[in-house]
């Protein structure tokens, strides 16, 4: 019968925690910055892909969609403007929200 010792558990636990943190932080850190595009390019990206996650600052990102077909069944769309390389308030499409949670007002 083998026993589990602390010296064997710590390295494994450390690897598991590091992998979990990388998986959690990775998507946010890897997002495309809206300011790397012109307004026309950002809007065209949303139109061509249908749904895109864009970072609007180093710590803030959201999913923008072409139309309501890219939202979940109980969500609606609201217009969204983001900062781009050439326009501080560029209309790029929509975001999805649940109307019963505050009416979608910001």
N, C-alpha and C. Protein backbone atom coordinates (compact mmCIF):
# COMPACT_ATOMS: atom_id res chain seq x y z
N UNK A 1 0.85 -1.17 0.00
CA UNK A 1 0.00 0.00 0.00
C UNK A 1 0.89 1.23 0.00
N UNK A 2 0.60 2.16 -0.85
CA UNK A 2 1.40 3.38 -0.96
C UNK A 2 0.69 4.52 -0.24
N UNK A 3 1.47 5.35 0.40
CA UNK A 3 0.89 6.51 1.07
C UNK A 3 1.27 7.76 0.30
N UNK A 4 0.44 8.75 0.39
CA UNK A 4 0.67 10.02 -0.29
C UNK A 4 1.45 10.94 0.64
N UNK A 5 2.57 11.40 0.18
CA UNK A 5 3.37 12.29 1.02
C UNK A 5 3.24 13.73 0.54
N UNK A 6 3.44 14.64 1.45
CA UNK A 6 3.33 16.06 1.15
C UNK A 6 4.34 16.48 0.09
N UNK A 7 5.52 15.90 0.10
CA UNK A 7 6.55 16.29 -0.87
C UNK A 7 6.15 15.93 -2.30
N UNK A 8 5.31 14.93 -2.50
CA UNK A 8 4.84 14.58 -3.84
C UNK A 8 3.61 15.39 -4.23
N UNK A 9 2.79 15.77 -3.29
CA UNK A 9 1.55 16.47 -3.57
C UNK A 9 1.79 17.93 -3.95
N UNK A 10 2.72 18.59 -3.28
CA UNK A 10 2.96 20.02 -3.52
C UNK A 10 3.31 20.34 -4.97
N UNK A 11 4.26 19.65 -5.59
CA UNK A 11 4.58 19.98 -6.98
C UNK A 11 3.39 19.77 -7.91
N UNK A 12 2.66 18.70 -7.71
CA UNK A 12 1.50 18.42 -8.55
C UNK A 12 0.43 19.48 -8.33
N UNK A 13 0.17 19.83 -7.09
CA UNK A 13 -0.81 20.86 -6.77
C UNK A 13 -0.41 22.19 -7.40
N UNK A 14 0.86 22.51 -7.34
CA UNK A 14 1.36 23.75 -7.95
C UNK A 14 1.13 23.79 -9.45
N UNK A 15 1.37 22.66 -10.12
CA UNK A 15 1.14 22.59 -11.56
C UNK A 15 -0.34 22.74 -11.90
N UNK A 16 -1.19 22.11 -11.13
CA UNK A 16 -2.63 22.21 -11.35
C UNK A 16 -3.10 23.65 -11.17
N UNK A 17 -2.62 24.29 -10.12
CA UNK A 17 -3.02 25.68 -9.87
C UNK A 17 -2.50 26.60 -10.98
N UNK A 18 -1.28 26.41 -11.42
CA UNK A 18 -0.72 27.24 -12.49
C UNK A 18 -1.50 27.06 -13.79
N UNK A 19 -1.86 25.82 -14.10
CA UNK A 19 -2.65 25.57 -15.31
C UNK A 19 -4.02 26.22 -15.21
N UNK A 20 -4.62 26.16 -14.04
CA UNK A 20 -5.93 26.79 -13.85
C UNK A 20 -5.86 28.29 -13.99
N UNK A 21 -4.84 28.91 -13.43
CA UNK A 21 -4.69 30.35 -13.54
C UNK A 21 -4.41 30.77 -14.98
N UNK A 22 -3.61 29.99 -15.69
CA UNK A 22 -3.33 30.30 -17.09
C UNK A 22 -4.59 30.20 -17.92
N UNK A 23 -5.39 29.18 -17.67
CA UNK A 23 -6.64 29.02 -18.42
C UNK A 23 -7.59 30.16 -18.11
N UNK A 24 -7.60 30.62 -16.87
CA UNK A 24 -8.50 31.70 -16.47
C UNK A 24 -8.03 33.04 -17.02
N UNK A 25 -6.76 33.36 -16.90
CA UNK A 25 -6.23 34.66 -17.32
C UNK A 25 -5.93 34.70 -18.81
N UNK A 26 -5.65 33.56 -19.40
CA UNK A 26 -5.27 33.52 -20.81
C UNK A 26 -6.24 34.18 -21.76
N UNK A 27 -7.53 33.84 -21.74
CA UNK A 27 -8.47 34.44 -22.69
C UNK A 27 -8.55 35.95 -22.57
N UNK A 28 -8.52 36.48 -21.37
CA UNK A 28 -8.61 37.93 -21.21
C UNK A 28 -7.36 38.60 -21.75
N UNK A 29 -6.22 38.02 -21.50
CA UNK A 29 -4.97 38.62 -21.94
C UNK A 29 -4.78 38.53 -23.45
N UNK A 30 -5.41 37.55 -24.07
CA UNK A 30 -5.19 37.31 -25.49
C UNK A 30 -6.21 38.01 -26.39
N UNK A 31 -7.10 38.79 -25.84
CA UNK A 31 -8.13 39.43 -26.65
C UNK A 31 -7.55 40.48 -27.58
N UNK A 32 -8.18 40.65 -28.72
CA UNK A 32 -7.79 41.66 -29.68
C UNK A 32 -8.25 43.03 -29.18
N UNK A 33 -7.37 44.00 -29.23
CA UNK A 33 -7.69 45.35 -28.80
C UNK A 33 -8.49 46.08 -29.87
N UNK A 34 -9.60 46.71 -29.49
CA UNK A 34 -10.41 47.45 -30.45
C UNK A 34 -9.61 48.60 -31.07
N UNK A 35 -8.67 49.16 -30.32
CA UNK A 35 -7.87 50.29 -30.82
C UNK A 35 -6.83 49.87 -31.86
N UNK A 36 -6.69 48.59 -32.10
CA UNK A 36 -5.76 48.15 -33.14
C UNK A 36 -6.41 48.22 -34.52
N UNK A 37 -7.71 48.49 -34.58
CA UNK A 37 -8.45 48.58 -35.84
C UNK A 37 -8.93 50.00 -36.09
N UNK A 38 -9.17 50.32 -37.36
CA UNK A 38 -9.93 51.53 -37.67
C UNK A 38 -11.39 51.20 -37.42
N UNK A 39 -12.23 52.20 -37.39
CA UNK A 39 -13.66 51.98 -37.16
C UNK A 39 -14.24 51.05 -38.23
N UNK A 40 -13.90 51.31 -39.47
CA UNK A 40 -14.39 50.50 -40.58
C UNK A 40 -13.93 49.06 -40.46
N UNK A 41 -12.67 48.85 -40.10
CA UNK A 41 -12.15 47.49 -39.95
C UNK A 41 -12.84 46.74 -38.82
N UNK A 42 -13.06 47.41 -37.68
CA UNK A 42 -13.71 46.76 -36.53
C UNK A 42 -15.13 46.36 -36.87
N UNK A 43 -15.87 47.27 -37.50
CA UNK A 43 -17.26 46.97 -37.88
C UNK A 43 -17.30 45.83 -38.91
N UNK A 44 -16.36 45.84 -39.85
CA UNK A 44 -16.31 44.78 -40.87
C UNK A 44 -15.97 43.43 -40.23
N UNK A 45 -15.12 43.43 -39.21
CA UNK A 45 -14.77 42.18 -38.52
C UNK A 45 -16.00 41.57 -37.86
N UNK A 46 -16.79 42.40 -37.18
CA UNK A 46 -18.02 41.91 -36.54
C UNK A 46 -18.98 41.38 -37.61
N UNK A 47 -19.14 42.13 -38.70
CA UNK A 47 -20.05 41.70 -39.77
C UNK A 47 -19.61 40.38 -40.39
N UNK A 48 -18.31 40.21 -40.60
CA UNK A 48 -17.85 38.99 -41.27
C UNK A 48 -17.85 37.77 -40.35
N UNK A 49 -17.48 37.94 -39.09
CA UNK A 49 -17.40 36.81 -38.15
C UNK A 49 -18.73 36.53 -37.47
N UNK A 50 -19.55 37.54 -37.30
CA UNK A 50 -20.83 37.36 -36.61
C UNK A 50 -20.75 37.66 -35.14
N UNK A 51 -19.68 37.24 -34.48
CA UNK A 51 -19.47 37.48 -33.05
C UNK A 51 -17.97 37.51 -32.78
N UNK A 52 -17.52 38.54 -32.06
CA UNK A 52 -16.09 38.71 -31.78
C UNK A 52 -15.94 39.26 -30.37
N UNK A 53 -14.93 38.78 -29.66
CA UNK A 53 -14.59 39.35 -28.36
C UNK A 53 -13.48 40.37 -28.59
N UNK A 54 -13.76 41.62 -28.17
CA UNK A 54 -12.78 42.70 -28.32
C UNK A 54 -12.49 43.31 -26.96
N UNK A 55 -11.24 43.63 -26.72
CA UNK A 55 -10.85 44.36 -25.52
C UNK A 55 -10.93 45.84 -25.84
N UNK A 56 -11.55 46.60 -24.96
CA UNK A 56 -11.65 48.04 -25.15
C UNK A 56 -10.70 48.80 -24.22
N UNK A 57 -10.05 48.08 -23.34
CA UNK A 57 -9.01 48.62 -22.47
C UNK A 57 -8.18 47.43 -22.01
N UNK A 58 -7.10 47.67 -21.26
CA UNK A 58 -6.29 46.53 -20.80
C UNK A 58 -7.05 45.55 -19.89
N UNK A 59 -8.10 46.02 -19.24
CA UNK A 59 -8.82 45.15 -18.30
C UNK A 59 -10.29 44.93 -18.64
N UNK A 60 -10.76 45.45 -19.75
CA UNK A 60 -12.19 45.34 -20.09
C UNK A 60 -12.36 44.79 -21.49
N UNK A 61 -13.18 43.77 -21.61
CA UNK A 61 -13.49 43.21 -22.92
C UNK A 61 -14.93 42.74 -22.93
N UNK A 62 -15.48 42.60 -24.13
CA UNK A 62 -16.86 42.16 -24.26
C UNK A 62 -17.01 41.45 -25.60
N UNK A 63 -18.13 40.78 -25.73
CA UNK A 63 -18.45 40.07 -26.97
C UNK A 63 -19.41 40.93 -27.76
N UNK A 64 -19.07 41.20 -29.00
CA UNK A 64 -19.89 42.03 -29.88
C UNK A 64 -20.43 41.17 -31.01
N UNK A 65 -21.68 41.42 -31.39
CA UNK A 65 -22.34 40.56 -32.36
C UNK A 65 -22.92 41.36 -33.53
N UNK A 66 -23.13 40.65 -34.64
CA UNK A 66 -23.71 41.25 -35.84
C UNK A 66 -25.21 41.47 -35.66
N UNK A 67 -25.88 40.48 -35.07
CA UNK A 67 -27.33 40.57 -34.88
C UNK A 67 -27.78 39.61 -33.78
N UNK A 68 -29.07 39.58 -33.52
CA UNK A 68 -29.60 38.80 -32.40
C UNK A 68 -29.44 37.30 -32.57
N UNK A 69 -29.21 36.84 -33.77
CA UNK A 69 -29.03 35.40 -33.98
C UNK A 69 -27.78 34.87 -33.27
N UNK A 70 -26.89 35.74 -32.84
CA UNK A 70 -25.68 35.34 -32.13
C UNK A 70 -25.85 35.43 -30.61
N UNK A 71 -27.06 35.71 -30.15
CA UNK A 71 -27.36 35.79 -28.72
C UNK A 71 -28.10 34.53 -28.27
N UNK A 72 -28.14 34.31 -26.97
CA UNK A 72 -28.88 33.20 -26.39
C UNK A 72 -30.38 33.53 -26.47
N UNK A 73 -31.22 32.51 -26.41
CA UNK A 73 -32.66 32.66 -26.63
C UNK A 73 -33.33 33.74 -25.79
N UNK A 74 -32.89 33.97 -24.56
CA UNK A 74 -33.56 34.96 -23.70
C UNK A 74 -32.87 36.32 -23.72
N UNK A 75 -31.94 36.52 -24.64
CA UNK A 75 -31.21 37.78 -24.73
C UNK A 75 -31.70 38.63 -25.89
N UNK A 76 -31.47 39.91 -25.75
CA UNK A 76 -31.74 40.86 -26.83
C UNK A 76 -30.45 41.60 -27.13
N UNK A 77 -30.48 42.43 -28.16
CA UNK A 77 -29.28 43.18 -28.51
C UNK A 77 -29.43 44.65 -28.14
N UNK A 78 -28.29 45.28 -27.92
CA UNK A 78 -28.24 46.73 -27.74
C UNK A 78 -27.05 47.25 -28.53
N UNK A 79 -27.18 48.44 -29.10
CA UNK A 79 -26.06 48.99 -29.90
C UNK A 79 -24.84 49.26 -29.03
N UNK A 80 -23.68 49.09 -29.63
CA UNK A 80 -22.42 49.29 -28.91
C UNK A 80 -21.45 50.16 -29.70
N UNK A 81 -20.80 51.04 -28.99
CA UNK A 81 -19.75 51.90 -29.54
C UNK A 81 -18.48 51.61 -28.76
N UNK A 82 -17.37 51.46 -29.46
CA UNK A 82 -16.08 51.18 -28.81
C UNK A 82 -15.03 52.13 -29.37
N UNK A 83 -13.95 52.35 -28.61
CA UNK A 83 -12.85 53.16 -29.15
C UNK A 83 -12.05 52.37 -30.17
N UNK A 84 -11.77 53.00 -31.29
CA UNK A 84 -10.91 52.39 -32.32
C UNK A 84 -9.75 53.34 -32.59
N UNK A 85 -8.87 52.92 -33.47
CA UNK A 85 -7.68 53.72 -33.76
C UNK A 85 -8.02 55.12 -34.26
N UNK A 86 -9.12 55.24 -35.02
CA UNK A 86 -9.46 56.53 -35.63
C UNK A 86 -10.74 57.17 -35.10
N UNK A 87 -11.42 56.50 -34.14
CA UNK A 87 -12.70 57.03 -33.67
C UNK A 87 -12.91 56.62 -32.21
N UNK A 88 -13.06 57.59 -31.30
CA UNK A 88 -13.24 57.22 -29.89
C UNK A 88 -14.61 56.61 -29.59
N UNK A 89 -15.58 56.77 -30.51
CA UNK A 89 -16.91 56.18 -30.32
C UNK A 89 -17.40 55.61 -31.64
N UNK A 90 -16.89 54.45 -31.97
CA UNK A 90 -17.22 53.78 -33.23
C UNK A 90 -18.35 52.78 -33.02
N UNK A 91 -19.42 52.91 -33.79
CA UNK A 91 -20.50 51.91 -33.75
C UNK A 91 -20.00 50.67 -34.49
N UNK A 92 -19.91 49.55 -33.76
CA UNK A 92 -19.39 48.33 -34.39
C UNK A 92 -20.42 47.22 -34.50
N UNK A 93 -21.54 47.37 -33.84
CA UNK A 93 -22.56 46.33 -33.84
C UNK A 93 -23.30 46.34 -32.53
N UNK A 94 -23.50 45.16 -31.98
CA UNK A 94 -24.35 45.01 -30.80
C UNK A 94 -23.70 44.12 -29.76
N UNK A 95 -24.24 44.18 -28.55
CA UNK A 95 -23.90 43.19 -27.52
C UNK A 95 -25.21 42.56 -27.07
N UNK A 96 -25.12 41.39 -26.50
CA UNK A 96 -26.29 40.67 -26.02
C UNK A 96 -26.50 40.97 -24.54
N UNK A 97 -27.75 41.06 -24.13
CA UNK A 97 -28.06 41.27 -22.71
C UNK A 97 -29.40 40.62 -22.40
N UNK A 98 -29.63 40.37 -21.13
CA UNK A 98 -30.89 39.80 -20.67
C UNK A 98 -31.77 40.96 -20.19
N UNK A 99 -32.89 41.24 -20.85
CA UNK A 99 -33.72 42.39 -20.51
C UNK A 99 -34.25 42.38 -19.07
N UNK A 100 -34.48 41.20 -18.52
CA UNK A 100 -35.02 41.12 -17.16
C UNK A 100 -34.02 41.50 -16.08
N UNK A 101 -32.76 41.69 -16.46
CA UNK A 101 -31.72 42.06 -15.51
C UNK A 101 -31.36 43.53 -15.69
N UNK A 102 -32.22 44.42 -15.26
CA UNK A 102 -31.94 45.84 -15.31
C UNK A 102 -32.28 46.50 -16.64
N UNK A 103 -32.98 45.81 -17.49
CA UNK A 103 -33.41 46.40 -18.75
C UNK A 103 -32.31 46.70 -19.74
N UNK A 104 -31.11 46.24 -19.47
CA UNK A 104 -30.03 46.47 -20.41
C UNK A 104 -29.44 47.85 -20.34
N UNK A 105 -29.83 48.63 -19.36
CA UNK A 105 -29.28 49.98 -19.23
C UNK A 105 -27.94 49.94 -18.55
N UNK A 106 -27.06 50.80 -18.97
CA UNK A 106 -25.74 50.86 -18.36
C UNK A 106 -25.64 52.08 -17.50
